């Protein structure tokens, strides 16, 4: 993601380094979280305005500029194109294993309203009984409501559910606060001291004893 942002912002006239961009992106998300908005994507109707404001925050921190309409259009087109995305090789086998064990599966994601279409294009949608997206639900992780809503749609109790995600705050801590068990997907080994961490999705089945 950072490479795409760097490429398009550089084409838009920004002079940046990868470290500067990573810092600006992180700071922009902190500002979004601190704004108090339950839905950080602005709802389905507000998504373009949200992303434009977000990118302008990033650009403003980098060099005080704003993102041009042409750069915004290129970025939006890129991230909405299914060919821009790749599925990790451990995803398919893990989902099949969980399905074979009779588990009910859902997606709970802080994303914009394009996610269901993207999951369909990547042939992942049929694996899930429910897909909850923050922009559509108008609530997002780590708010307990989106986790509890997912459990209701799967007809399972919170104590019967396991949430797996790669954000310590939004996924692991958010799910546990909502009464779910949780595993942190830590592909880069950043949280080695956390007992409830896995490095690949293939570990999920073993953790569940299936």
N, C-alpha and C. Protein backbone atom coordinates (compact mmCIF):
# COMPACT_ATOMS: atom_id res chain seq x y z
N UNK A 1 0.82 -1.20 0.00
CA UNK A 1 0.00 0.00 0.00
C UNK A 1 0.86 1.25 0.00
N UNK A 2 1.89 1.25 0.85
CA UNK A 2 2.77 2.42 0.93
C UNK A 2 3.45 2.70 -0.41
N UNK A 3 3.81 1.63 -1.13
CA UNK A 3 4.46 1.82 -2.43
C UNK A 3 3.52 2.50 -3.43
N UNK A 4 2.25 2.12 -3.39
CA UNK A 4 1.28 2.72 -4.30
C UNK A 4 1.09 4.20 -3.97
N UNK A 5 0.90 4.50 -2.69
CA UNK A 5 0.75 5.88 -2.28
C UNK A 5 1.99 6.70 -2.68
N UNK A 6 3.16 6.14 -2.42
CA UNK A 6 4.40 6.87 -2.73
C UNK A 6 4.51 7.15 -4.22
N UNK A 7 4.18 6.17 -5.04
CA UNK A 7 4.26 6.35 -6.49
C UNK A 7 3.33 7.45 -6.97
N UNK A 8 2.07 7.41 -6.53
CA UNK A 8 1.10 8.38 -7.03
C UNK A 8 1.33 9.78 -6.45
N UNK A 9 1.74 9.87 -5.19
CA UNK A 9 2.01 11.18 -4.61
C UNK A 9 3.25 11.80 -5.24
N UNK A 10 4.25 10.96 -5.56
CA UNK A 10 5.43 11.48 -6.24
C UNK A 10 5.06 11.99 -7.63
N UNK A 11 4.18 11.25 -8.33
CA UNK A 11 3.72 11.70 -9.65
C UNK A 11 2.91 12.98 -9.54
N UNK A 12 2.37 13.22 -8.34
CA UNK A 12 1.57 14.42 -8.09
C UNK A 12 2.44 15.60 -7.63
N UNK A 13 3.76 15.38 -7.57
CA UNK A 13 4.66 16.47 -7.25
C UNK A 13 5.20 16.49 -5.85
N UNK A 14 4.85 15.49 -5.03
CA UNK A 14 5.35 15.46 -3.66
C UNK A 14 6.74 14.84 -3.63
N UNK A 15 7.63 15.44 -2.85
CA UNK A 15 8.97 14.89 -2.66
C UNK A 15 9.00 14.21 -1.30
N UNK A 16 9.04 12.87 -1.29
CA UNK A 16 8.89 12.13 -0.04
C UNK A 16 9.82 10.94 -0.02
N UNK A 17 10.06 10.46 1.21
CA UNK A 17 10.79 9.22 1.41
C UNK A 17 9.82 8.18 1.94
N UNK A 18 10.14 6.89 1.80
CA UNK A 18 9.24 5.86 2.34
C UNK A 18 8.97 6.01 3.83
N UNK A 19 9.98 6.36 4.60
CA UNK A 19 9.78 6.53 6.04
C UNK A 19 8.85 7.69 6.34
N UNK A 20 9.02 8.79 5.60
CA UNK A 20 8.15 9.94 5.80
C UNK A 20 6.71 9.58 5.48
N UNK A 21 6.51 8.84 4.41
CA UNK A 21 5.15 8.46 4.02
C UNK A 21 4.53 7.54 5.07
N UNK A 22 5.29 6.55 5.55
CA UNK A 22 4.77 5.64 6.57
C UNK A 22 4.36 6.41 7.82
N UNK A 23 5.16 7.37 8.21
CA UNK A 23 4.82 8.18 9.38
C UNK A 23 3.58 9.02 9.15
N UNK A 24 3.46 9.61 7.96
CA UNK A 24 2.29 10.45 7.65
C UNK A 24 1.02 9.62 7.60
N UNK A 25 1.09 8.41 7.06
CA UNK A 25 -0.08 7.53 7.02
C UNK A 25 -0.50 7.14 8.44
N UNK A 26 0.47 6.77 9.26
CA UNK A 26 0.16 6.38 10.64
C UNK A 26 -0.48 7.55 11.39
N UNK A 27 0.07 8.74 11.22
CA UNK A 27 -0.47 9.90 11.92
C UNK A 27 -1.88 10.24 11.44
N UNK A 28 -2.13 10.06 10.14
CA UNK A 28 -3.46 10.34 9.60
C UNK A 28 -4.49 9.40 10.21
N UNK A 29 -4.15 8.11 10.37
CA UNK A 29 -5.09 7.18 10.98
C UNK A 29 -5.31 7.50 12.45
N UNK A 30 -4.27 7.96 13.15
CA UNK A 30 -4.44 8.37 14.55
C UNK A 30 -5.44 9.52 14.63
N UNK A 31 -5.32 10.48 13.72
CA UNK A 31 -6.24 11.61 13.71
C UNK A 31 -7.68 11.15 13.45
N UNK A 32 -7.82 10.18 12.56
CA UNK A 32 -9.16 9.66 12.28
C UNK A 32 -9.74 9.00 13.52
N UNK A 33 -8.95 8.17 14.20
CA UNK A 33 -9.43 7.50 15.40
C UNK A 33 -9.79 8.50 16.48
N UNK A 34 -9.00 9.54 16.62
CA UNK A 34 -9.23 10.52 17.67
C UNK A 34 -10.38 11.47 17.36
N UNK A 35 -10.85 11.43 16.11
CA UNK A 35 -11.95 12.32 15.74
C UNK A 35 -13.26 11.89 16.38
N UNK A 36 -13.30 10.62 16.84
CA UNK A 36 -14.50 10.14 17.52
C UNK A 36 -15.56 9.60 16.59
N UNK A 37 -15.32 9.56 15.29
CA UNK A 37 -16.31 9.05 14.35
C UNK A 37 -16.38 7.53 14.46
N UNK A 38 -17.58 7.00 14.63
CA UNK A 38 -17.74 5.55 14.75
C UNK A 38 -17.39 4.86 13.43
N UNK A 39 -17.75 5.51 12.32
CA UNK A 39 -17.46 4.93 11.02
C UNK A 39 -16.39 5.76 10.34
N UNK A 40 -15.18 5.24 10.32
CA UNK A 40 -14.07 6.05 9.82
C UNK A 40 -14.09 6.22 8.31
N UNK A 41 -14.98 5.51 7.60
CA UNK A 41 -15.06 5.69 6.16
C UNK A 41 -16.19 6.62 5.74
N UNK A 42 -16.90 7.18 6.68
CA UNK A 42 -17.89 8.19 6.34
C UNK A 42 -19.20 7.65 5.82
N UNK A 43 -19.42 6.35 5.92
CA UNK A 43 -20.64 5.78 5.38
C UNK A 43 -20.55 5.65 3.88
N UNK A 44 -21.46 4.89 3.30
CA UNK A 44 -21.40 4.63 1.86
C UNK A 44 -21.42 5.92 1.06
N UNK A 45 -22.29 6.84 1.42
CA UNK A 45 -22.42 8.08 0.63
C UNK A 45 -21.27 9.04 0.86
N UNK A 46 -20.56 8.87 1.98
CA UNK A 46 -19.51 9.83 2.29
C UNK A 46 -18.11 9.36 1.99
N UNK A 47 -17.97 8.18 1.37
CA UNK A 47 -16.64 7.61 1.18
C UNK A 47 -15.69 8.48 0.36
N UNK A 48 -16.09 8.98 -0.81
CA UNK A 48 -15.14 9.80 -1.58
C UNK A 48 -14.62 10.99 -0.79
N UNK A 49 -15.52 11.64 -0.03
CA UNK A 49 -15.10 12.80 0.76
C UNK A 49 -14.14 12.37 1.87
N UNK A 50 -14.43 11.22 2.49
CA UNK A 50 -13.53 10.73 3.53
C UNK A 50 -12.13 10.50 2.97
N UNK A 51 -12.04 9.74 1.86
CA UNK A 51 -10.73 9.41 1.32
C UNK A 51 -9.98 10.63 0.82
N UNK A 52 -10.73 11.58 0.24
CA UNK A 52 -10.07 12.81 -0.21
C UNK A 52 -9.48 13.57 0.97
N UNK A 53 -10.25 13.68 2.06
CA UNK A 53 -9.76 14.37 3.25
C UNK A 53 -8.59 13.62 3.87
N UNK A 54 -8.67 12.27 3.87
CA UNK A 54 -7.59 11.47 4.43
C UNK A 54 -6.29 11.68 3.65
N UNK A 55 -6.37 11.62 2.33
CA UNK A 55 -5.18 11.80 1.50
C UNK A 55 -4.62 13.21 1.63
N UNK A 56 -5.49 14.19 1.78
CA UNK A 56 -5.01 15.55 1.97
C UNK A 56 -4.32 15.72 3.33
N UNK A 57 -4.76 14.98 4.34
CA UNK A 57 -4.04 14.98 5.61
C UNK A 57 -2.63 14.43 5.43
N UNK A 58 -2.54 13.33 4.70
CA UNK A 58 -1.23 12.72 4.47
C UNK A 58 -0.34 13.68 3.69
N UNK A 59 -0.85 14.20 2.59
CA UNK A 59 -0.06 15.11 1.75
C UNK A 59 0.31 16.38 2.52
N UNK A 60 -0.63 16.87 3.31
CA UNK A 60 -0.35 18.08 4.08
C UNK A 60 0.78 17.89 5.06
N UNK A 61 0.84 16.72 5.68
CA UNK A 61 1.94 16.46 6.63
C UNK A 61 3.27 16.31 5.90
N UNK A 62 3.23 15.79 4.68
CA UNK A 62 4.47 15.56 3.94
C UNK A 62 5.09 16.85 3.42
N UNK A 63 4.27 17.67 2.74
CA UNK A 63 4.85 18.88 2.15
C UNK A 63 3.91 20.08 2.16
N UNK A 64 2.79 19.96 2.89
CA UNK A 64 1.86 21.07 2.98
C UNK A 64 0.94 21.21 1.79
N UNK A 65 1.01 20.28 0.84
CA UNK A 65 0.18 20.37 -0.35
C UNK A 65 -1.13 19.63 -0.22
N UNK A 66 -1.86 19.57 -1.33
CA UNK A 66 -3.11 18.81 -1.40
C UNK A 66 -3.01 17.85 -2.58
N UNK A 67 -3.80 16.80 -2.53
CA UNK A 67 -3.80 15.79 -3.58
C UNK A 67 -4.68 16.26 -4.73
N UNK A 68 -4.14 16.22 -5.94
CA UNK A 68 -4.90 16.65 -7.10
C UNK A 68 -6.02 15.67 -7.42
N UNK A 69 -7.01 16.13 -8.18
CA UNK A 69 -8.10 15.26 -8.56
C UNK A 69 -7.62 14.09 -9.42
N UNK A 70 -6.62 14.32 -10.26
CA UNK A 70 -6.12 13.24 -11.10
C UNK A 70 -5.43 12.16 -10.26
N UNK A 71 -4.64 12.57 -9.26
CA UNK A 71 -3.98 11.60 -8.38
C UNK A 71 -5.01 10.85 -7.55
N UNK A 72 -6.02 11.56 -7.06
CA UNK A 72 -7.08 10.90 -6.29
C UNK A 72 -7.79 9.86 -7.15
N UNK A 73 -8.06 10.21 -8.39
CA UNK A 73 -8.73 9.28 -9.29
C UNK A 73 -7.89 8.05 -9.57
N UNK A 74 -6.58 8.23 -9.74
CA UNK A 74 -5.71 7.08 -10.00
C UNK A 74 -5.65 6.15 -8.80
N UNK A 75 -5.57 6.72 -7.60
CA UNK A 75 -5.52 5.91 -6.40
C UNK A 75 -6.83 5.14 -6.20
N UNK A 76 -7.95 5.83 -6.38
CA UNK A 76 -9.24 5.17 -6.22
C UNK A 76 -9.40 4.03 -7.21
N UNK A 77 -9.00 4.27 -8.45
CA UNK A 77 -9.10 3.24 -9.48
C UNK A 77 -8.21 2.04 -9.15
N UNK A 78 -7.01 2.31 -8.66
CA UNK A 78 -6.09 1.22 -8.34
C UNK A 78 -6.66 0.31 -7.26
N UNK A 79 -7.12 0.91 -6.16
CA UNK A 79 -7.55 0.09 -5.03
C UNK A 79 -8.90 -0.59 -5.25
N UNK A 80 -9.66 -0.14 -6.23
CA UNK A 80 -10.92 -0.79 -6.56
C UNK A 80 -10.76 -1.88 -7.62
N UNK A 81 -9.57 -2.01 -8.16
CA UNK A 81 -9.29 -3.01 -9.19
C UNK A 81 -8.89 -4.33 -8.52
N UNK A 82 -9.65 -5.41 -8.70
CA UNK A 82 -9.29 -6.68 -8.06
C UNK A 82 -7.89 -7.17 -8.40
N UNK A 83 -7.38 -6.82 -9.58
CA UNK A 83 -6.04 -7.27 -9.95
C UNK A 83 -4.95 -6.60 -9.13
N UNK A 84 -5.29 -5.56 -8.38
CA UNK A 84 -4.32 -4.89 -7.51
C UNK A 84 -4.10 -5.65 -6.21
N UNK A 85 -4.91 -6.67 -5.96
CA UNK A 85 -4.88 -7.38 -4.69
C UNK A 85 -4.44 -8.82 -4.88
N UNK A 86 -3.80 -9.38 -3.87
CA UNK A 86 -3.38 -10.78 -3.88
C UNK A 86 -3.83 -11.43 -2.59
N UNK A 87 -4.23 -12.69 -2.68
CA UNK A 87 -4.68 -13.44 -1.52
C UNK A 87 -3.51 -14.28 -1.00
N UNK A 88 -3.23 -14.18 0.28
CA UNK A 88 -2.15 -14.99 0.87
C UNK A 88 -2.41 -16.48 0.62
N UNK A 89 -1.38 -17.27 0.38
CA UNK A 89 -1.58 -18.69 0.05
C UNK A 89 -2.17 -19.52 1.19
N UNK A 90 -2.11 -19.02 2.41
CA UNK A 90 -2.69 -19.79 3.53
C UNK A 90 -4.19 -19.57 3.71
N UNK A 91 -4.76 -18.63 2.95
CA UNK A 91 -6.18 -18.29 3.14
C UNK A 91 -7.09 -19.42 2.68
N UNK A 92 -6.96 -19.85 1.41
CA UNK A 92 -7.85 -20.87 0.87
C UNK A 92 -7.85 -22.16 1.66
N UNK A 93 -6.67 -22.77 1.90
CA UNK A 93 -6.65 -24.02 2.67
C UNK A 93 -7.24 -23.88 4.07
N UNK A 94 -6.99 -22.74 4.72
CA UNK A 94 -7.52 -22.55 6.07
C UNK A 94 -9.04 -22.46 6.05
N UNK A 95 -9.58 -21.68 5.12
CA UNK A 95 -11.04 -21.55 5.05
C UNK A 95 -11.69 -22.90 4.76
N UNK A 96 -11.08 -23.69 3.86
CA UNK A 96 -11.64 -25.01 3.56
C UNK A 96 -11.62 -25.91 4.80
N UNK A 97 -10.54 -25.86 5.54
CA UNK A 97 -10.41 -26.68 6.76
C UNK A 97 -11.48 -26.28 7.78
N UNK A 98 -11.70 -25.02 7.95
CA UNK A 98 -12.69 -24.55 8.91
C UNK A 98 -14.10 -24.90 8.46
N UNK A 99 -14.35 -24.78 7.17
CA UNK A 99 -15.66 -25.17 6.64
C UNK A 99 -15.91 -26.65 6.86
N UNK A 100 -14.92 -27.47 6.58
CA UNK A 100 -15.06 -28.92 6.73
C UNK A 100 -15.33 -29.32 8.18
N UNK A 101 -14.85 -28.49 9.10
CA UNK A 101 -15.09 -28.75 10.52
C UNK A 101 -16.47 -28.26 10.97
N UNK A 102 -17.22 -27.65 10.04
CA UNK A 102 -18.56 -27.20 10.35
C UNK A 102 -18.64 -25.84 11.01
N UNK A 103 -17.56 -25.07 10.95
CA UNK A 103 -17.58 -23.75 11.57
C UNK A 103 -18.26 -22.73 10.66
N UNK A 104 -18.91 -21.76 11.27
CA UNK A 104 -19.59 -20.69 10.53
C UNK A 104 -18.63 -19.51 10.45
N UNK A 105 -18.48 -18.95 9.27
CA UNK A 105 -17.44 -17.94 9.02
C UNK A 105 -18.04 -16.61 8.62
N UNK A 106 -17.40 -15.54 9.10
CA UNK A 106 -17.82 -14.18 8.74
C UNK A 106 -16.59 -13.30 8.57
N UNK A 107 -16.75 -12.25 7.80
CA UNK A 107 -15.74 -11.19 7.68
C UNK A 107 -16.22 -10.01 8.51
N UNK A 108 -15.34 -9.47 9.34
CA UNK A 108 -15.62 -8.25 10.10
C UNK A 108 -14.48 -7.30 9.77
N UNK A 109 -14.78 -6.23 9.04
CA UNK A 109 -13.69 -5.42 8.50
C UNK A 109 -13.96 -3.93 8.57
N UNK A 110 -12.92 -3.18 8.91
CA UNK A 110 -12.93 -1.73 8.75
C UNK A 110 -12.53 -1.44 7.32
N UNK A 111 -13.51 -1.20 6.48
CA UNK A 111 -13.25 -1.05 5.04
C UNK A 111 -14.37 -0.21 4.46
N UNK A 112 -14.20 0.19 3.20
CA UNK A 112 -15.29 0.91 2.57
C UNK A 112 -16.26 -0.07 1.91
N UNK A 113 -17.31 0.46 1.30
CA UNK A 113 -18.42 -0.38 0.84
C UNK A 113 -18.06 -1.22 -0.37
N UNK A 114 -16.86 -1.08 -0.92
CA UNK A 114 -16.46 -1.87 -2.07
C UNK A 114 -16.00 -3.28 -1.68
N UNK A 115 -15.81 -3.53 -0.39
CA UNK A 115 -15.24 -4.82 0.02
C UNK A 115 -16.06 -6.03 -0.44
N UNK A 116 -17.40 -6.05 -0.31
CA UNK A 116 -18.13 -7.23 -0.79
C UNK A 116 -17.87 -7.54 -2.26
N UNK A 117 -17.81 -6.52 -3.10
CA UNK A 117 -17.53 -6.74 -4.52
C UNK A 117 -16.11 -7.27 -4.71
N UNK A 118 -15.17 -6.77 -3.93
CA UNK A 118 -13.79 -7.23 -4.03
C UNK A 118 -13.68 -8.70 -3.60
N UNK A 119 -14.35 -9.06 -2.52
CA UNK A 119 -14.33 -10.45 -2.07
C UNK A 119 -14.92 -11.38 -3.13
N UNK A 120 -15.97 -10.91 -3.78
CA UNK A 120 -16.56 -11.72 -4.86
C UNK A 120 -15.59 -11.89 -6.01
N UNK A 121 -14.94 -10.81 -6.41
CA UNK A 121 -14.00 -10.87 -7.53
C UNK A 121 -12.82 -11.78 -7.22
N UNK A 122 -12.43 -11.84 -5.95
CA UNK A 122 -11.31 -12.70 -5.54
C UNK A 122 -11.78 -14.11 -5.17
N UNK A 123 -13.07 -14.40 -5.41
CA UNK A 123 -13.66 -15.72 -5.18
C UNK A 123 -13.60 -16.15 -3.72
N UNK A 124 -13.68 -15.18 -2.83
CA UNK A 124 -13.70 -15.48 -1.40
C UNK A 124 -15.09 -15.36 -0.79
N UNK A 125 -15.96 -14.59 -1.40
CA UNK A 125 -17.27 -14.32 -0.81
C UNK A 125 -18.08 -15.58 -0.47
N UNK A 126 -18.07 -16.62 -1.32
CA UNK A 126 -18.88 -17.80 -0.99
C UNK A 126 -18.45 -18.53 0.28
N UNK A 127 -17.26 -18.22 0.77
CA UNK A 127 -16.77 -18.89 1.97
C UNK A 127 -17.43 -18.36 3.24
N UNK A 128 -18.08 -17.21 3.16
CA UNK A 128 -18.54 -16.53 4.37
C UNK A 128 -20.06 -16.40 4.39
N UNK A 129 -20.64 -16.68 5.54
CA UNK A 129 -22.09 -16.52 5.71
C UNK A 129 -22.48 -15.07 5.91
N UNK A 130 -21.55 -14.26 6.40
CA UNK A 130 -21.84 -12.85 6.64
C UNK A 130 -20.59 -12.03 6.38
N UNK A 131 -20.79 -10.83 5.84
CA UNK A 131 -19.70 -9.89 5.62
C UNK A 131 -20.14 -8.56 6.22
N UNK A 132 -19.45 -8.15 7.27
CA UNK A 132 -19.77 -6.89 7.95
C UNK A 132 -18.66 -5.89 7.67
N UNK A 133 -19.04 -4.78 7.04
CA UNK A 133 -18.09 -3.76 6.62
C UNK A 133 -18.43 -2.47 7.34
N UNK A 134 -17.44 -1.82 7.90
CA UNK A 134 -17.70 -0.66 8.74
C UNK A 134 -18.48 0.44 8.02
N UNK A 135 -18.18 0.68 6.75
CA UNK A 135 -18.86 1.75 6.03
C UNK A 135 -20.33 1.46 5.84
N UNK A 136 -20.69 0.17 5.74
CA UNK A 136 -22.09 -0.21 5.55
C UNK A 136 -22.79 -0.33 6.90
N UNK A 137 -22.09 -0.90 7.87
CA UNK A 137 -22.67 -1.09 9.21
C UNK A 137 -22.74 0.21 9.99
N UNK A 138 -21.93 1.19 9.60
CA UNK A 138 -21.81 2.47 10.29
C UNK A 138 -21.33 2.30 11.72
N UNK A 139 -20.54 1.30 11.92
CA UNK A 139 -19.77 1.10 13.15
C UNK A 139 -18.59 0.22 12.77
N UNK A 140 -17.51 0.34 13.50
CA UNK A 140 -16.30 -0.40 13.11
C UNK A 140 -15.49 -0.82 14.32
N UNK A 141 -14.53 -1.69 14.06
CA UNK A 141 -13.61 -2.15 15.11
C UNK A 141 -12.78 -0.96 15.60
N UNK A 142 -12.49 -0.85 16.88
CA UNK A 142 -12.71 -1.83 17.95
C UNK A 142 -14.04 -1.72 18.70
N UNK A 143 -15.01 -0.98 18.17
CA UNK A 143 -16.31 -0.88 18.84
C UNK A 143 -16.90 -2.28 19.01
N UNK A 144 -17.32 -2.66 20.21
CA UNK A 144 -17.88 -4.00 20.42
C UNK A 144 -19.09 -4.31 19.55
N UNK A 145 -19.81 -3.29 19.13
CA UNK A 145 -21.07 -3.53 18.41
C UNK A 145 -20.88 -4.33 17.14
N UNK A 146 -19.84 -4.06 16.36
CA UNK A 146 -19.69 -4.78 15.10
C UNK A 146 -19.35 -6.25 15.33
N UNK A 147 -18.63 -6.56 16.40
CA UNK A 147 -18.35 -7.96 16.74
C UNK A 147 -19.63 -8.67 17.19
N UNK A 148 -20.40 -8.02 18.03
CA UNK A 148 -21.63 -8.62 18.52
C UNK A 148 -22.65 -8.79 17.40
N UNK A 149 -22.66 -7.84 16.49
CA UNK A 149 -23.56 -7.93 15.33
C UNK A 149 -23.19 -9.14 14.47
N UNK A 150 -21.90 -9.37 14.30
CA UNK A 150 -21.45 -10.53 13.52
C UNK A 150 -21.90 -11.83 14.18
N UNK A 151 -21.78 -11.91 15.50
CA UNK A 151 -22.21 -13.11 16.22
C UNK A 151 -23.71 -13.33 16.05
N UNK A 152 -24.49 -12.27 16.12
CA UNK A 152 -25.94 -12.43 15.94
C UNK A 152 -26.27 -12.96 14.56
N UNK A 153 -25.56 -12.49 13.55
CA UNK A 153 -25.86 -12.93 12.19
C UNK A 153 -25.43 -14.37 11.94
N UNK A 154 -24.46 -14.83 12.70
CA UNK A 154 -24.06 -16.23 12.59
C UNK A 154 -24.82 -17.12 13.58
N UNK A 155 -25.64 -16.49 14.42
CA UNK A 155 -26.42 -17.21 15.43
C UNK A 155 -25.52 -17.98 16.39
N UNK A 156 -24.46 -17.30 16.85
CA UNK A 156 -23.57 -17.88 17.86
C UNK A 156 -23.40 -16.87 18.99
N UNK A 157 -23.12 -17.37 20.17
CA UNK A 157 -22.85 -16.48 21.30
C UNK A 157 -21.44 -15.94 21.19
N UNK A 158 -21.21 -14.79 21.79
CA UNK A 158 -19.88 -14.18 21.76
C UNK A 158 -18.82 -15.13 22.31
N UNK A 159 -19.16 -15.86 23.36
CA UNK A 159 -18.19 -16.77 24.00
C UNK A 159 -17.89 -17.98 23.12
N UNK A 160 -18.69 -18.20 22.08
CA UNK A 160 -18.46 -19.30 21.15
C UNK A 160 -17.66 -18.87 19.93
N UNK A 161 -17.34 -17.60 19.84
CA UNK A 161 -16.73 -17.06 18.62
C UNK A 161 -15.24 -16.78 18.80
N UNK A 162 -14.51 -16.93 17.71
CA UNK A 162 -13.09 -16.59 17.66
C UNK A 162 -12.89 -15.57 16.56
N UNK A 163 -12.23 -14.47 16.88
CA UNK A 163 -11.91 -13.46 15.88
C UNK A 163 -10.40 -13.49 15.60
N UNK A 164 -10.04 -13.48 14.34
CA UNK A 164 -8.64 -13.48 13.92
C UNK A 164 -8.39 -12.24 13.08
N UNK A 165 -7.41 -11.43 13.47
CA UNK A 165 -7.10 -10.23 12.72
C UNK A 165 -5.69 -9.77 12.99
N UNK A 166 -5.22 -8.79 12.21
CA UNK A 166 -3.82 -8.40 12.29
C UNK A 166 -3.55 -7.09 13.00
N UNK A 167 -4.58 -6.49 13.60
CA UNK A 167 -4.40 -5.25 14.36
C UNK A 167 -4.53 -5.54 15.84
N UNK A 168 -3.52 -5.18 16.61
CA UNK A 168 -3.56 -5.42 18.05
C UNK A 168 -4.74 -4.70 18.69
N UNK A 169 -4.92 -3.43 18.35
CA UNK A 169 -5.97 -2.62 18.98
C UNK A 169 -7.35 -2.95 18.43
N UNK A 170 -7.49 -2.94 17.12
CA UNK A 170 -8.81 -3.06 16.52
C UNK A 170 -9.31 -4.50 16.51
N UNK A 171 -8.43 -5.45 16.26
CA UNK A 171 -8.85 -6.84 16.16
C UNK A 171 -8.74 -7.58 17.49
N UNK A 172 -7.53 -7.71 18.00
CA UNK A 172 -7.31 -8.52 19.20
C UNK A 172 -7.99 -7.91 20.43
N UNK A 173 -7.64 -6.67 20.74
CA UNK A 173 -8.21 -6.04 21.93
C UNK A 173 -9.69 -5.75 21.75
N UNK A 174 -10.09 -5.35 20.53
CA UNK A 174 -11.49 -5.06 20.29
C UNK A 174 -12.38 -6.28 20.45
N UNK A 175 -11.95 -7.41 19.89
CA UNK A 175 -12.75 -8.63 19.99
C UNK A 175 -12.85 -9.10 21.43
N UNK A 176 -11.74 -9.08 22.15
CA UNK A 176 -11.75 -9.54 23.54
C UNK A 176 -12.66 -8.65 24.40
N UNK A 177 -12.66 -7.36 24.13
CA UNK A 177 -13.53 -6.45 24.88
C UNK A 177 -15.01 -6.74 24.60
N UNK A 178 -15.30 -7.32 23.43
CA UNK A 178 -16.68 -7.67 23.08
C UNK A 178 -17.06 -9.05 23.55
N UNK A 179 -16.16 -9.76 24.23
CA UNK A 179 -16.46 -11.06 24.78
C UNK A 179 -16.09 -12.24 23.90
N UNK A 180 -15.36 -11.99 22.80
CA UNK A 180 -14.94 -13.05 21.92
C UNK A 180 -13.52 -13.50 22.28
N UNK A 181 -13.18 -14.74 21.94
CA UNK A 181 -11.78 -15.13 21.95
C UNK A 181 -11.11 -14.49 20.74
N UNK A 182 -9.78 -14.34 20.80
CA UNK A 182 -9.10 -13.65 19.70
C UNK A 182 -7.70 -14.20 19.50
N UNK A 183 -7.29 -14.21 18.25
CA UNK A 183 -5.91 -14.50 17.87
C UNK A 183 -5.40 -13.33 17.05
N UNK A 184 -4.17 -12.92 17.29
CA UNK A 184 -3.55 -11.86 16.51
C UNK A 184 -2.71 -12.48 15.40
N UNK A 185 -3.03 -12.17 14.17
CA UNK A 185 -2.25 -12.63 13.03
C UNK A 185 -1.04 -11.71 12.89
N UNK A 186 0.13 -12.24 13.26
CA UNK A 186 1.36 -11.44 13.37
C UNK A 186 2.38 -11.96 12.36
N UNK A 187 2.13 -11.71 11.07
CA UNK A 187 2.97 -12.27 10.02
C UNK A 187 4.41 -11.76 10.09
N UNK A 188 4.62 -10.57 10.62
CA UNK A 188 5.95 -9.98 10.64
C UNK A 188 6.64 -10.12 11.99
N UNK A 189 6.05 -10.84 12.93
CA UNK A 189 6.67 -11.10 14.21
C UNK A 189 6.89 -9.87 15.08
N UNK A 190 5.93 -8.97 15.08
CA UNK A 190 6.08 -7.72 15.85
C UNK A 190 5.65 -7.87 17.30
N UNK A 191 4.91 -8.94 17.62
CA UNK A 191 4.35 -9.07 18.97
C UNK A 191 4.72 -10.44 19.55
N UNK A 192 6.01 -10.72 19.59
CA UNK A 192 6.49 -12.03 20.02
C UNK A 192 6.12 -12.42 21.43
N UNK A 193 5.85 -11.46 22.30
CA UNK A 193 5.54 -11.78 23.69
C UNK A 193 4.07 -12.09 23.92
N UNK A 194 3.23 -11.93 22.90
CA UNK A 194 1.80 -12.18 23.06
C UNK A 194 1.51 -13.66 22.86
N UNK A 195 0.90 -14.32 23.85
CA UNK A 195 0.65 -15.76 23.69
C UNK A 195 -0.40 -16.09 22.63
N UNK A 196 -1.35 -15.19 22.44
CA UNK A 196 -2.44 -15.44 21.50
C UNK A 196 -2.11 -14.92 20.11
N UNK A 197 -0.92 -15.25 19.63
CA UNK A 197 -0.52 -14.78 18.31
C UNK A 197 -0.20 -15.96 17.42
N UNK A 198 -0.44 -15.76 16.13
CA UNK A 198 -0.08 -16.76 15.13
C UNK A 198 0.65 -16.04 14.01
N UNK A 199 1.50 -16.76 13.29
CA UNK A 199 2.25 -16.15 12.20
C UNK A 199 1.65 -16.46 10.84
N UNK A 200 0.83 -17.50 10.75
CA UNK A 200 0.10 -17.81 9.52
C UNK A 200 -1.29 -18.31 9.89
N UNK A 201 -2.21 -18.23 8.93
CA UNK A 201 -3.56 -18.69 9.19
C UNK A 201 -3.64 -20.20 9.34
N UNK A 202 -2.64 -20.91 8.86
CA UNK A 202 -2.65 -22.36 8.99
C UNK A 202 -2.63 -22.80 10.45
N UNK A 203 -2.24 -21.92 11.35
CA UNK A 203 -2.21 -22.24 12.78
C UNK A 203 -3.57 -22.19 13.44
N UNK A 204 -4.56 -21.61 12.77
CA UNK A 204 -5.88 -21.45 13.39
C UNK A 204 -6.49 -22.79 13.71
N UNK A 205 -6.46 -23.72 12.76
CA UNK A 205 -7.07 -25.03 12.98
C UNK A 205 -6.47 -25.73 14.17
N UNK A 206 -5.15 -25.68 14.29
CA UNK A 206 -4.49 -26.34 15.42
C UNK A 206 -4.89 -25.69 16.74
N UNK A 207 -5.02 -24.36 16.75
CA UNK A 207 -5.45 -23.68 17.97
C UNK A 207 -6.86 -24.12 18.38
N UNK A 208 -7.68 -24.47 17.38
CA UNK A 208 -9.05 -24.88 17.65
C UNK A 208 -9.15 -26.39 17.89
N UNK A 209 -8.04 -27.08 17.68
CA UNK A 209 -8.04 -28.52 17.90
C UNK A 209 -8.81 -29.30 16.84
N UNK A 210 -8.76 -28.80 15.59
CA UNK A 210 -9.48 -29.49 14.51
C UNK A 210 -8.52 -29.91 13.40
